């Protein structure tokens, strides 16, 4: 029997898996998450979503800086876990920890169809790259980045109105269901680990400041994907008059232009048409100027005195000036 689970998780993605284990009757002697970090404008220490959820359930929570340290390993070993479950934790577990469960199983809930999108930000990169399908993988863990054998997988379409936020919710719930299904299958001996084809591996590194900048030289469809991939945070945008403008909603248009990328083609009542790479056109629909609320792109454009023929700053020019979105 595999009833005692040592759970590792940090982000919102991991919370449904934690709750699914409890609902399925598994014992969680401890939940391991990242330490509280300073966030927000005032840099106040905030607990992780997993810590909040675990404490609401009355669970013991551990917040080690490094799980490979000897004191933490001794603490974990004393729990005698039957199985280790990891979901969006944020540290690579050492071999000594992965070999600790009495069942021999240490498994991970990953938000992609491995071997595609190994790494920290699989949801964002799948949307950024224009994928129309993704999914979740339950894999046997190795002390390397998302390389272990696949146990079970389930696919999920990426819909045109999906952004990183909505897709994370779908995949988190799907992953929680598949996690419990996998544990049951492991107990019954009905699942066989399948090695990944490493030659097909792609990577999803952490999201950086550069991912947030709209590249007008990219096609309208690529820009649309970037906006969705960065929503709701950190948000994609551009500079106008040295002020950051976050784009919440946009749509590629079925039209073409010979104007240079970044050219404002037309300011309409609710939207703004902008030239993008490859002669494509993007309609900005909803934006948020720096220190202002969200509004229609048309309302912002009129207040910002935008005119047909105005030019937005190209990405390479932003790089050279060192302008910041902070």
C-alpha atoms as a PDB file:
ATOM      1  CA  UNK A   1       0.000   0.000   0.000  1.00  0.00           C
ATOM      2  CA  UNK A   2       1.139   3.553  -0.780  1.00  0.00           C
ATOM      3  CA  UNK A   3      -0.721   5.719   1.703  1.00  0.00           C
ATOM      4  CA  UNK A   4       1.902   8.049   3.236  1.00  0.00           C
ATOM      5  CA  UNK A   5       2.710  10.772   0.720  1.00  0.00           C
ATOM      6  CA  UNK A   6       5.453  13.375   1.142  1.00  0.00           C
ATOM      7  CA  UNK A   7       4.201  16.202  -1.069  1.00  0.00           C
ATOM      8  CA  UNK A   8       6.348  18.908  -2.681  1.00  0.00           C
ATOM      9  CA  UNK A   9       4.664  21.870  -4.381  1.00  0.00           C
ATOM     10  CA  UNK A  10       4.690  25.640  -4.559  1.00  0.00           C
ATOM     11  CA  UNK A  11       2.488  27.354  -7.141  1.00  0.00           C
ATOM     12  CA  UNK A  12      -1.275  27.474  -7.742  1.00  0.00           C
ATOM     13  CA  UNK A  13      -0.821  24.644 -10.240  1.00  0.00           C
ATOM     14  CA  UNK A  14       0.084  22.280  -7.384  1.00  0.00           C
ATOM     15  CA  UNK A  15      -2.899  23.064  -5.127  1.00  0.00           C
ATOM     16  CA  UNK A  16      -5.490  20.819  -6.879  1.00  0.00           C
ATOM     17  CA  UNK A  17      -3.054  17.875  -6.671  1.00  0.00           C
ATOM     18  CA  UNK A  18      -2.613  18.437  -2.947  1.00  0.00           C
ATOM     19  CA  UNK A  19      -6.374  18.584  -2.370  1.00  0.00           C
ATOM     20  CA  UNK A  20      -7.003  15.560  -4.616  1.00  0.00           C
ATOM     21  CA  UNK A  21      -4.633  13.444  -2.510  1.00  0.00           C
ATOM     22  CA  UNK A  22      -6.501  14.392   0.649  1.00  0.00           C
ATOM     23  CA  UNK A  23      -9.884  13.709  -0.955  1.00  0.00           C
ATOM     24  CA  UNK A  24      -8.653  10.288  -2.113  1.00  0.00           C
ATOM     25  CA  UNK A  25      -7.721   9.391   1.467  1.00  0.00           C
ATOM     26  CA  UNK A  26      -3.942   9.632   1.291  1.00  0.00           C
ATOM     27  CA  UNK A  27      -2.047  10.578   4.445  1.00  0.00           C
ATOM     28  CA  UNK A  28       0.159  13.662   4.116  1.00  0.00           C
ATOM     29  CA  UNK A  29       2.464  13.759   7.176  1.00  0.00           C
ATOM     30  CA  UNK A  30       4.136  16.901   5.771  1.00  0.00           C
ATOM     31  CA  UNK A  31       3.878  19.276   2.833  1.00  0.00           C
ATOM     32  CA  UNK A  32       7.096  20.816   1.517  1.00  0.00           C
ATOM     33  CA  UNK A  33       7.005  24.192  -0.225  1.00  0.00           C
ATOM     34  CA  UNK A  34       9.301  27.103  -0.961  1.00  0.00           C
ATOM     35  CA  UNK A  35       9.939  29.692   1.778  1.00  0.00           C
ATOM     36  CA  UNK A  36       7.827  32.836   1.930  1.00  0.00           C
ATOM     37  CA  UNK A  37       9.120  35.398  -0.580  1.00  0.00           C
ATOM     38  CA  UNK A  38       8.786  39.196  -0.783  1.00  0.00           C
ATOM     39  CA  UNK A  39       6.235  40.145  -3.440  1.00  0.00           C
ATOM     40  CA  UNK A  40       4.254  43.147  -4.573  1.00  0.00           C
ATOM     41  CA  UNK A  41       5.068  46.833  -4.584  1.00  0.00           C
ATOM     42  CA  UNK A  42       5.898  46.840  -0.866  1.00  0.00           C
ATOM     43  CA  UNK A  43       7.858  43.554  -0.959  1.00  0.00           C
ATOM     44  CA  UNK A  44       5.953  41.994   1.907  1.00  0.00           C
ATOM     45  CA  UNK A  45       6.652  38.333   2.652  1.00  0.00           C
ATOM     46  CA  UNK A  46       3.915  36.142   1.166  1.00  0.00           C
ATOM     47  CA  UNK A  47       3.318  32.409   1.683  1.00  0.00           C
ATOM     48  CA  UNK A  48       3.127  30.191  -1.379  1.00  0.00           C
ATOM     49  CA  UNK A  49      -0.293  29.066  -2.624  1.00  0.00           C
ATOM     50  CA  UNK A  50       0.543  25.521  -1.490  1.00  0.00           C
ATOM     51  CA  UNK A  51       1.427  26.693   2.004  1.00  0.00           C
ATOM     52  CA  UNK A  52      -1.850  28.568   2.298  1.00  0.00           C
ATOM     53  CA  UNK A  53      -3.856  25.580   1.072  1.00  0.00           C
ATOM     54  CA  UNK A  54      -1.997  23.108   3.301  1.00  0.00           C
ATOM     55  CA  UNK A  55      -2.411  25.208   6.427  1.00  0.00           C
ATOM     56  CA  UNK A  56      -6.119  25.629   5.689  1.00  0.00           C
ATOM     57  CA  UNK A  57      -6.308  21.821   5.770  1.00  0.00           C
ATOM     58  CA  UNK A  58      -4.410  21.661   9.058  1.00  0.00           C
ATOM     59  CA  UNK A  59      -1.334  20.034   7.525  1.00  0.00           C
ATOM     60  CA  UNK A  60       2.261  20.343   8.690  1.00  0.00           C
ATOM     61  CA  UNK A  61       4.242  22.578   6.318  1.00  0.00           C
ATOM     62  CA  UNK A  62       8.018  22.626   5.837  1.00  0.00           C
ATOM     63  CA  UNK A  63       9.773  25.446   3.963  1.00  0.00           C
ATOM     64  CA  UNK A  64      13.433  24.457   3.430  1.00  0.00           C
ATOM     65  CA  UNK A  65      15.695  26.748   1.409  1.00  0.00           C
ATOM     66  CA  UNK A  66      17.433  23.688  -0.107  1.00  0.00           C
ATOM     67  CA  UNK A  67      15.998  20.168  -0.034  1.00  0.00           C
ATOM     68  CA  UNK A  68      19.415  18.610  -0.638  1.00  0.00           C
ATOM     69  CA  UNK A  69      20.777  19.695   2.747  1.00  0.00           C
ATOM     70  CA  UNK A  70      21.515  16.913   5.238  1.00  0.00           C
ATOM     71  CA  UNK A  71      19.215  18.279   7.950  1.00  0.00           C
ATOM     72  CA  UNK A  72      16.207  18.293   5.633  1.00  0.00           C
ATOM     73  CA  UNK A  73      16.986  14.815   4.291  1.00  0.00           C
ATOM     74  CA  UNK A  74      17.133  13.477   7.849  1.00  0.00           C
ATOM     75  CA  UNK A  75      13.829  15.188   8.654  1.00  0.00           C
ATOM     76  CA  UNK A  76      12.168  13.698   5.564  1.00  0.00           C
ATOM     77  CA  UNK A  77      13.563  10.211   6.184  1.00  0.00           C
ATOM     78  CA  UNK A  78      12.035  10.206   9.671  1.00  0.00           C
ATOM     79  CA  UNK A  79       8.569  10.375   8.103  1.00  0.00           C
ATOM     80  CA  UNK A  80       9.053   7.024   6.324  1.00  0.00           C
ATOM     81  CA  UNK A  81       7.077   8.094   3.224  1.00  0.00           C
ATOM     82  CA  UNK A  82       5.612   5.428   0.971  1.00  0.00           C
ATOM     83  CA  UNK A  83       5.734   7.723  -2.065  1.00  0.00           C
ATOM     84  CA  UNK A  84       6.933  11.211  -3.017  1.00  0.00           C
ATOM     85  CA  UNK A  85       4.725  13.447  -5.160  1.00  0.00           C
ATOM     86  CA  UNK A  86       6.033  16.660  -6.731  1.00  0.00           C
ATOM     87  CA  UNK A  87       4.016  19.330  -8.554  1.00  0.00           C
ATOM     88  CA  UNK A  88       5.504  22.683  -9.609  1.00  0.00           C
ATOM     89  CA  UNK A  89       7.888  22.757  -6.650  1.00  0.00           C
ATOM     90  CA  UNK A  90      10.821  24.763  -8.013  1.00  0.00           C
ATOM     91  CA  UNK A  91      13.856  22.693  -6.944  1.00  0.00           C
ATOM     92  CA  UNK A  92      15.389  19.543  -8.395  1.00  0.00           C
ATOM     93  CA  UNK A  93      15.234  16.727  -5.856  1.00  0.00           C
ATOM     94  CA  UNK A  94      18.509  14.850  -5.201  1.00  0.00           C
ATOM     95  CA  UNK A  95      18.874  11.116  -5.757  1.00  0.00           C
ATOM     96  CA  UNK A  96      19.047  10.486  -2.002  1.00  0.00           C
ATOM     97  CA  UNK A  97      15.561  11.972  -1.622  1.00  0.00           C
ATOM     98  CA  UNK A  98      14.089  10.233  -4.672  1.00  0.00           C
ATOM     99  CA  UNK A  99      15.253   6.847  -3.338  1.00  0.00           C
ATOM    100  CA  UNK A 100      13.661   7.438   0.080  1.00  0.00           C
ATOM    101  CA  UNK A 101      10.056   6.169  -0.461  1.00  0.00           C
ATOM    102  CA  UNK A 102       9.424   2.595   0.683  1.00  0.00           C
ATOM    103  CA  UNK A 103       7.539   1.835  -2.556  1.00  0.00           C
ATOM    104  CA  UNK A 104      10.413   3.116  -4.672  1.00  0.00           C
ATOM    105  CA  UNK A 105       8.151   5.651  -6.380  1.00  0.00           C
ATOM    106  CA  UNK A 106       8.807   9.377  -6.627  1.00  0.00           C
ATOM    107  CA  UNK A 107       6.528  10.947  -9.222  1.00  0.00           C
ATOM    108  CA  UNK A 108       6.000  14.380 -10.733  1.00  0.00           C
ATOM    109  CA  UNK A 109       2.949  16.180 -12.178  1.00  0.00           C
ATOM    110  CA  UNK A 110       4.206  18.193 -15.160  1.00  0.00           C
ATOM    111  CA  UNK A 111       2.134  20.580 -17.301  1.00  0.00           C
ATOM    112  CA  UNK A 112       3.170  19.409 -20.769  1.00  0.00           C
ATOM    113  CA  UNK A 113       3.261  16.362 -22.986  1.00  0.00           C
ATOM    114  CA  UNK A 114       6.828  15.339 -22.224  1.00  0.00           C
ATOM    115  CA  UNK A 115       9.403  15.265 -23.704  1.00  0.00           C
ATOM    116  CA  UNK A 116       8.098  18.600 -25.037  1.00  0.00           C
ATOM    117  CA  UNK A 117       8.517  21.639 -22.793  1.00  0.00           C
ATOM    118  CA  UNK A 118      10.728  20.392 -20.020  1.00  0.00           C
ATOM    119  CA  UNK A 119      11.383  23.099 -17.450  1.00  0.00           C
ATOM    120  CA  UNK A 120       9.822  25.830 -15.351  1.00  0.00           C
ATOM    121  CA  UNK A 121       7.284  27.450 -17.714  1.00  0.00           C
ATOM    122  CA  UNK A 122       5.716  24.813 -19.993  1.00  0.00           C
ATOM    123  CA  UNK A 123       2.285  26.463 -20.119  1.00  0.00           C
ATOM    124  CA  UNK A 124       3.592  29.865 -21.196  1.00  0.00           C
ATOM    125  CA  UNK A 125       5.969  28.481 -23.810  1.00  0.00           C
ATOM    126  CA  UNK A 126       3.338  26.198 -25.344  1.00  0.00           C
ATOM    127  CA  UNK A 127       1.083  29.220 -25.957  1.00  0.00           C
ATOM    128  CA  UNK A 128       4.005  31.432 -26.987  1.00  0.00           C
ATOM    129  CA  UNK A 129       4.972  28.904 -29.657  1.00  0.00           C
ATOM    130  CA  UNK A 130       1.452  28.725 -31.068  1.00  0.00           C
ATOM    131  CA  UNK A 131       0.686  25.157 -29.982  1.00  0.00           C
ATOM    132  CA  UNK A 132      -2.921  24.035 -30.334  1.00  0.00           C
ATOM    133  CA  UNK A 133      -2.564  21.103 -27.925  1.00  0.00           C
ATOM    134  CA  UNK A 134      -0.757  20.418 -24.669  1.00  0.00           C
ATOM    135  CA  UNK A 135      -1.488  18.256 -21.650  1.00  0.00           C
ATOM    136  CA  UNK A 136      -0.156  16.811 -18.417  1.00  0.00           C
ATOM    137  CA  UNK A 137       2.377  14.076 -17.773  1.00  0.00           C
ATOM    138  CA  UNK A 138       2.867  12.002 -14.646  1.00  0.00           C
ATOM    139  CA  UNK A 139       6.460  10.839 -14.736  1.00  0.00           C
ATOM    140  CA  UNK A 140       8.843   8.854 -12.576  1.00  0.00           C
ATOM    141  CA  UNK A 141      11.390  11.320 -11.239  1.00  0.00           C
ATOM    142  CA  UNK A 142      15.116  11.397 -11.852  1.00  0.00           C
ATOM    143  CA  UNK A 143      17.630  13.874 -10.332  1.00  0.00           C
ATOM    144  CA  UNK A 144      17.625  15.800 -13.632  1.00  0.00           C
ATOM    145  CA  UNK A 145      15.197  18.214 -15.277  1.00  0.00           C
ATOM    146  CA  UNK A 146      11.989  16.410 -16.330  1.00  0.00           C
ATOM    147  CA  UNK A 147      13.823  13.497 -17.956  1.00  0.00           C
ATOM    148  CA  UNK A 148      12.208  10.542 -16.160  1.00  0.00           C
ATOM    149  CA  UNK A 149      10.080   7.770 -17.653  1.00  0.00           C
ATOM    150  CA  UNK A 150       6.448   8.591 -18.465  1.00  0.00           C
ATOM    151  CA  UNK A 151       3.749   6.838 -16.430  1.00  0.00           C
ATOM    152  CA  UNK A 152       0.528   8.400 -17.753  1.00  0.00           C
ATOM    153  CA  UNK A 153      -0.347  11.336 -20.020  1.00  0.00           C
ATOM    154  CA  UNK A 154      -3.522  13.198 -20.932  1.00  0.00           C
ATOM    155  CA  UNK A 155      -3.987  15.786 -23.683  1.00  0.00           C
ATOM    156  CA  UNK A 156      -5.769  19.135 -23.546  1.00  0.00           C
ATOM    157  CA  UNK A 157      -6.595  21.481 -26.452  1.00  0.00           C
ATOM    158  CA  UNK A 158      -5.347  25.067 -26.311  1.00  0.00           C
ATOM    159  CA  UNK A 159      -8.360  27.136 -27.335  1.00  0.00           C
ATOM    160  CA  UNK A 160      -8.083  30.536 -29.066  1.00  0.00           C
ATOM    161  CA  UNK A 161      -9.414  32.299 -25.969  1.00  0.00           C
ATOM    162  CA  UNK A 162      -7.036  30.496 -23.594  1.00  0.00           C
ATOM    163  CA  UNK A 163      -4.262  32.401 -21.903  1.00  0.00           C
ATOM    164  CA  UNK A 164      -1.654  31.122 -19.445  1.00  0.00           C
ATOM    165  CA  UNK A 165      -4.015  31.716 -16.539  1.00  0.00           C
ATOM    166  CA  UNK A 166      -7.018  29.823 -17.911  1.00  0.00           C
ATOM    167  CA  UNK A 167      -4.873  27.003 -19.272  1.00  0.00           C
ATOM    168  CA  UNK A 168      -3.089  26.572 -15.930  1.00  0.00           C
ATOM    169  CA  UNK A 169      -6.434  26.065 -14.196  1.00  0.00           C
ATOM    170  CA  UNK A 170      -7.462  23.389 -16.710  1.00  0.00           C
ATOM    171  CA  UNK A 171      -4.146  21.555 -16.560  1.00  0.00           C
ATOM    172  CA  UNK A 172      -3.953  21.746 -12.763  1.00  0.00           C
ATOM    173  CA  UNK A 173      -7.328  20.017 -12.414  1.00  0.00           C
ATOM    174  CA  UNK A 174      -6.438  17.495 -15.103  1.00  0.00           C
ATOM    175  CA  UNK A 175      -3.099  16.801 -13.438  1.00  0.00           C
ATOM    176  CA  UNK A 176      -4.748  16.253 -10.047  1.00  0.00           C
ATOM    177  CA  UNK A 177      -7.131  13.665 -11.504  1.00  0.00           C
ATOM    178  CA  UNK A 178      -4.350  11.921 -13.388  1.00  0.00           C
ATOM    179  CA  UNK A 179      -2.135  11.882 -10.279  1.00  0.00           C
ATOM    180  CA  UNK A 180      -4.672   9.914  -8.254  1.00  0.00           C
ATOM    181  CA  UNK A 181      -5.303   7.625 -11.224  1.00  0.00           C
ATOM    182  CA  UNK A 182      -1.557   7.003 -11.509  1.00  0.00           C
ATOM    183  CA  UNK A 183      -1.131   6.187  -7.812  1.00  0.00           C
ATOM    184  CA  UNK A 184      -3.969   3.666  -8.014  1.00  0.00           C
ATOM    185  CA  UNK A 185      -2.411   2.107 -11.122  1.00  0.00           C
ATOM    186  CA  UNK A 186       0.989   1.872  -9.447  1.00  0.00           C
ATOM    187  CA  UNK A 187      -0.531   0.096  -6.454  1.00  0.00           C
ATOM    188  CA  UNK A 188      -2.241  -2.356  -8.784  1.00  0.00           C
ATOM    189  CA  UNK A 189       0.844  -2.801 -10.957  1.00  0.00           C
ATOM    190  CA  UNK A 190      -1.041  -1.865 -14.122  1.00  0.00           C
ATOM    191  CA  UNK A 191       1.234   0.902 -15.406  1.00  0.00           C
ATOM    192  CA  UNK A 192       4.650   0.423 -16.991  1.00  0.00           C
ATOM    193  CA  UNK A 193       7.123   3.340 -17.125  1.00  0.00           C
ATOM    194  CA  UNK A 194       7.887   4.406 -20.704  1.00  0.00           C
ATOM    195  CA  UNK A 195      11.279   6.061 -21.360  1.00  0.00           C
ATOM    196  CA  UNK A 196      11.148   9.497 -22.956  1.00  0.00           C
ATOM    197  CA  UNK A 197      12.535  10.005 -26.441  1.00  0.00           C
ATOM    198  CA  UNK A 198      15.214  12.522 -25.491  1.00  0.00           C
ATOM    199  CA  UNK A 199      15.852  13.438 -29.137  1.00  0.00           C
ATOM    200  CA  UNK A 200      12.387  15.062 -29.209  1.00  0.00           C
ATOM    201  CA  UNK A 201      12.913  17.133 -26.067  1.00  0.00           C
ATOM    202  CA  UNK A 202      12.184  20.861 -26.069  1.00  0.00           C
ATOM    203  CA  UNK A 203      12.639  23.277 -23.188  1.00  0.00           C
ATOM    204  CA  UNK A 204      10.553  25.878 -21.355  1.00  0.00           C
ATOM    205  CA  UNK A 205      12.937  28.080 -19.362  1.00  0.00           C
ATOM    206  CA  UNK A 206      11.692  30.535 -16.726  1.00  0.00           C
ATOM    207  CA  UNK A 207       9.854  33.615 -17.978  1.00  0.00           C
ATOM    208  CA  UNK A 208      12.082  36.691 -18.012  1.00  0.00           C
ATOM    209  CA  UNK A 209      11.574  40.416 -18.515  1.00  0.00           C
ATOM    210  CA  UNK A 210      12.393  40.050 -22.226  1.00  0.00           C
ATOM    211  CA  UNK A 211       9.432  37.726 -22.779  1.00  0.00           C
ATOM    212  CA  UNK A 212       7.112  40.608 -21.811  1.00  0.00           C
ATOM    213  CA  UNK A 213       8.155  42.927 -24.634  1.00  0.00           C
ATOM    214  CA  UNK A 214       5.997  42.922 -27.746  1.00  0.00           C
ATOM    215  CA  UNK A 215       8.170  42.562 -30.842  1.00  0.00           C
ATOM    216  CA  UNK A 216       6.325  44.441 -33.568  1.00  0.00           C
ATOM    217  CA  UNK A 217       8.623  42.726 -36.076  1.00  0.00           C
ATOM    218  CA  UNK A 218       6.878  39.436 -35.218  1.00  0.00           C
ATOM    219  CA  UNK A 219       3.691  38.525 -37.064  1.00  0.00           C
ATOM    220  CA  UNK A 220       0.313  39.535 -35.650  1.00  0.00           C
ATOM    221  CA  UNK A 221      -0.389  35.911 -34.755  1.00  0.00           C
ATOM    222  CA  UNK A 222       2.918  35.591 -32.901  1.00  0.00           C
ATOM    223  CA  UNK A 223       2.160  38.794 -30.983  1.00  0.00           C
ATOM    224  CA  UNK A 224      -1.310  37.509 -30.118  1.00  0.00           C
ATOM    225  CA  UNK A 225       0.305  34.325 -28.772  1.00  0.00           C
ATOM    226  CA  UNK A 226       2.812  36.376 -26.750  1.00  0.00           C
ATOM    227  CA  UNK A 227       0.051  38.424 -25.125  1.00  0.00           C
ATOM    228  CA  UNK A 228      -1.890  35.289 -24.185  1.00  0.00           C
ATOM    229  CA  UNK A 229       1.241  33.512 -22.940  1.00  0.00           C
ATOM    230  CA  UNK A 230       2.125  36.394 -20.613  1.00  0.00           C
ATOM    231  CA  UNK A 231      -1.416  36.853 -19.264  1.00  0.00           C
ATOM    232  CA  UNK A 232      -2.331  37.425 -16.496  1.00  0.00           C
ATOM    233  CA  UNK A 233       1.270  37.949 -15.370  1.00  0.00           C
ATOM    234  CA  UNK A 234       3.754  39.342 -15.965  1.00  0.00           C
ATOM    235  CA  UNK A 235       1.810  40.731 -18.927  1.00  0.00           C
ATOM    236  CA  UNK A 236       3.044  41.657 -22.395  1.00  0.00           C
ATOM    237  CA  UNK A 237       3.242  45.228 -23.589  1.00  0.00           C
ATOM    238  CA  UNK A 238       5.129  48.085 -25.209  1.00  0.00           C
ATOM    239  CA  UNK A 239       6.293  51.624 -24.504  1.00  0.00           C
ATOM    240  CA  UNK A 240       4.548  54.802 -25.611  1.00  0.00           C
ATOM    241  CA  UNK A 241       6.045  58.135 -24.573  1.00  0.00           C
ATOM    242  CA  UNK A 242       8.313  56.262 -22.148  1.00  0.00           C
ATOM    243  CA  UNK A 243       5.302  54.763 -20.349  1.00  0.00           C
ATOM    244  CA  UNK A 244       4.616  51.032 -20.236  1.00  0.00           C
ATOM    245  CA  UNK A 245       1.330  49.911 -21.808  1.00  0.00           C
ATOM    246  CA  UNK A 246       0.233  46.378 -20.979  1.00  0.00           C
ATOM    247  CA  UNK A 247      -1.906  44.587 -23.564  1.00  0.00           C
ATOM    248  CA  UNK A 248      -4.661  42.433 -22.124  1.00  0.00           C
ATOM    249  CA  UNK A 249      -6.558  41.530 -25.283  1.00  0.00           C
ATOM    250  CA  UNK A 250      -5.785  41.642 -28.992  1.00  0.00           C
ATOM    251  CA  UNK A 251      -6.621  39.773 -32.184  1.00  0.00           C
ATOM    252  CA  UNK A 252      -4.757  39.211 -35.458  1.00  0.00           C
ATOM    253  CA  UNK A 253      -6.715  40.666 -38.367  1.00  0.00           C
ATOM    254  CA  UNK A 254      -7.469  39.061 -41.714  1.00  0.00           C
ATOM    255  CA  UNK A 255      -5.794  41.900 -43.608  1.00  0.00           C
ATOM    256  CA  UNK A 256      -2.353  43.009 -44.747  1.00  0.00           C
ATOM    257  CA  UNK A 257      -0.354  46.210 -44.886  1.00  0.00           C
ATOM    258  CA  UNK A 258       2.839  47.522 -46.454  1.00  0.00           C
ATOM    259  CA  UNK A 259       3.542  49.821 -43.507  1.00  0.00           C
ATOM    260  CA  UNK A 260       6.584  49.220 -41.253  1.00  0.00           C
ATOM    261  CA  UNK A 261       6.026  47.086 -38.115  1.00  0.00           C
ATOM    262  CA  UNK A 262       4.878  49.192 -35.174  1.00  0.00           C
ATOM    263  CA  UNK A 263       2.951  51.693 -37.305  1.00  0.00           C
ATOM    264  CA  UNK A 264      -0.483  52.711 -35.995  1.00  0.00           C
ATOM    265  CA  UNK A 265      -2.770  52.103 -38.954  1.00  0.00           C
ATOM    266  CA  UNK A 266      -6.094  53.198 -37.540  1.00  0.00           C
ATOM    267  CA  UNK A 267      -7.517  54.400 -34.237  1.00  0.00           C
ATOM    268  CA  UNK A 268     -11.088  53.157 -33.980  1.00  0.00           C
ATOM    269  CA  UNK A 269     -13.782  53.608 -31.336  1.00  0.00           C
ATOM    270  CA  UNK A 270     -12.782  50.562 -29.279  1.00  0.00           C
ATOM    271  CA  UNK A 271      -9.558  49.320 -30.895  1.00  0.00           C
ATOM    272  CA  UNK A 272      -6.271  50.263 -32.518  1.00  0.00           C
ATOM    273  CA  UNK A 273      -4.917  48.575 -35.654  1.00  0.00           C
ATOM    274  CA  UNK A 274      -1.120  48.169 -35.691  1.00  0.00           C
ATOM    275  CA  UNK A 275       1.205  46.906 -38.417  1.00  0.00           C
ATOM    276  CA  UNK A 276       3.234  43.824 -37.479  1.00  0.00           C
ATOM    277  CA  UNK A 277       5.870  41.717 -39.201  1.00  0.00           C
ATOM    278  CA  UNK A 278       5.239  39.888 -42.479  1.00  0.00           C
ATOM    279  CA  UNK A 279       2.729  42.589 -43.469  1.00  0.00           C
ATOM    280  CA  UNK A 280       0.201  41.405 -40.892  1.00  0.00           C
ATOM    281  CA  UNK A 281      -2.138  43.550 -38.801  1.00  0.00           C
ATOM    282  CA  UNK A 282      -2.971  43.299 -35.097  1.00  0.00           C
ATOM    283  CA  UNK A 283      -6.018  44.862 -33.441  1.00  0.00           C
ATOM    284  CA  UNK A 284      -5.324  46.005 -29.872  1.00  0.00           C
ATOM    285  CA  UNK A 285      -8.588  45.621 -27.930  1.00  0.00           C
ATOM    286  CA  UNK A 286      -7.893  46.118 -24.230  1.00  0.00           C
ATOM    287  CA  UNK A 287      -4.842  47.747 -22.659  1.00  0.00           C
ATOM    288  CA  UNK A 288      -3.653  49.067 -19.310  1.00  0.00           C
ATOM    289  CA  UNK A 289      -1.456  52.172 -19.316  1.00  0.00           C
ATOM    290  CA  UNK A 290       1.102  52.499 -16.537  1.00  0.00           C
ATOM    291  CA  UNK A 291      -0.570  53.346 -13.179  1.00  0.00           C
ATOM    292  CA  UNK A 292      -4.017  53.320 -14.825  1.00  0.00           C
ATOM    293  CA  UNK A 293      -6.937  50.846 -14.912  1.00  0.00           C
ATOM    294  CA  UNK A 294      -7.687  48.536 -17.833  1.00  0.00           C
ATOM    295  CA  UNK A 295      -9.545  50.213 -20.695  1.00  0.00           C
ATOM    296  CA  UNK A 296     -10.407  49.799 -24.348  1.00  0.00           C
ATOM    297  CA  UNK A 297      -7.479  50.423 -26.678  1.00  0.00           C
ATOM    298  CA  UNK A 298      -9.519  53.070 -28.474  1.00  0.00           C
ATOM    299  CA  UNK A 299     -10.129  55.053 -25.282  1.00  0.00           C
ATOM    300  CA  UNK A 300      -6.443  54.848 -24.363  1.00  0.00           C
ATOM    301  CA  UNK A 301      -5.354  55.916 -27.862  1.00  0.00           C
ATOM    302  CA  UNK A 302      -7.492  59.039 -27.800  1.00  0.00           C
ATOM    303  CA  UNK A 303      -6.235  60.008 -24.355  1.00  0.00           C
ATOM    304  CA  UNK A 304      -2.654  59.334 -25.422  1.00  0.00           C
ATOM    305  CA  UNK A 305      -3.151  61.489 -28.560  1.00  0.00           C
ATOM    306  CA  UNK A 306      -2.303  58.599 -30.850  1.00  0.00           C
ATOM    307  CA  UNK A 307      -2.695  59.309 -34.562  1.00  0.00           C
ATOM    308  CA  UNK A 308      -2.686  57.225 -37.705  1.00  0.00           C
ATOM    309  CA  UNK A 309       0.969  56.874 -38.658  1.00  0.00           C
ATOM    310  CA  UNK A 310       2.290  57.038 -35.069  1.00  0.00           C
ATOM    311  CA  UNK A 311       5.142  54.574 -34.442  1.00  0.00           C
ATOM    312  CA  UNK A 312       5.562  52.293 -31.432  1.00  0.00           C
ATOM    313  CA  UNK A 313       9.109  51.678 -30.209  1.00  0.00           C
ATOM    314  CA  UNK A 314      10.720  48.624 -31.862  1.00  0.00           C
ATOM    315  CA  UNK A 315      11.991  45.963 -29.456  1.00  0.00           C
ATOM    316  CA  UNK A 316      15.660  46.463 -30.432  1.00  0.00           C
ATOM    317  CA  UNK A 317      15.311  50.167 -29.606  1.00  0.00           C
ATOM    318  CA  UNK A 318      13.831  49.313 -26.197  1.00  0.00           C
ATOM    319  CA  UNK A 319      16.828  47.061 -25.525  1.00  0.00           C
ATOM    320  CA  UNK A 320      19.283  49.814 -26.358  1.00  0.00           C
ATOM    321  CA  UNK A 321      17.580  52.416 -24.142  1.00  0.00           C
ATOM    322  CA  UNK A 322      17.223  50.067 -21.187  1.00  0.00           C
ATOM    323  CA  UNK A 323      13.601  51.045 -20.509  1.00  0.00           C
ATOM    324  CA  UNK A 324      11.994  49.001 -17.760  1.00  0.00           C
ATOM    325  CA  UNK A 325       8.518  47.560 -17.232  1.00  0.00           C
ATOM    326  CA  UNK A 326       8.942  47.768 -13.441  1.00  0.00           C
END
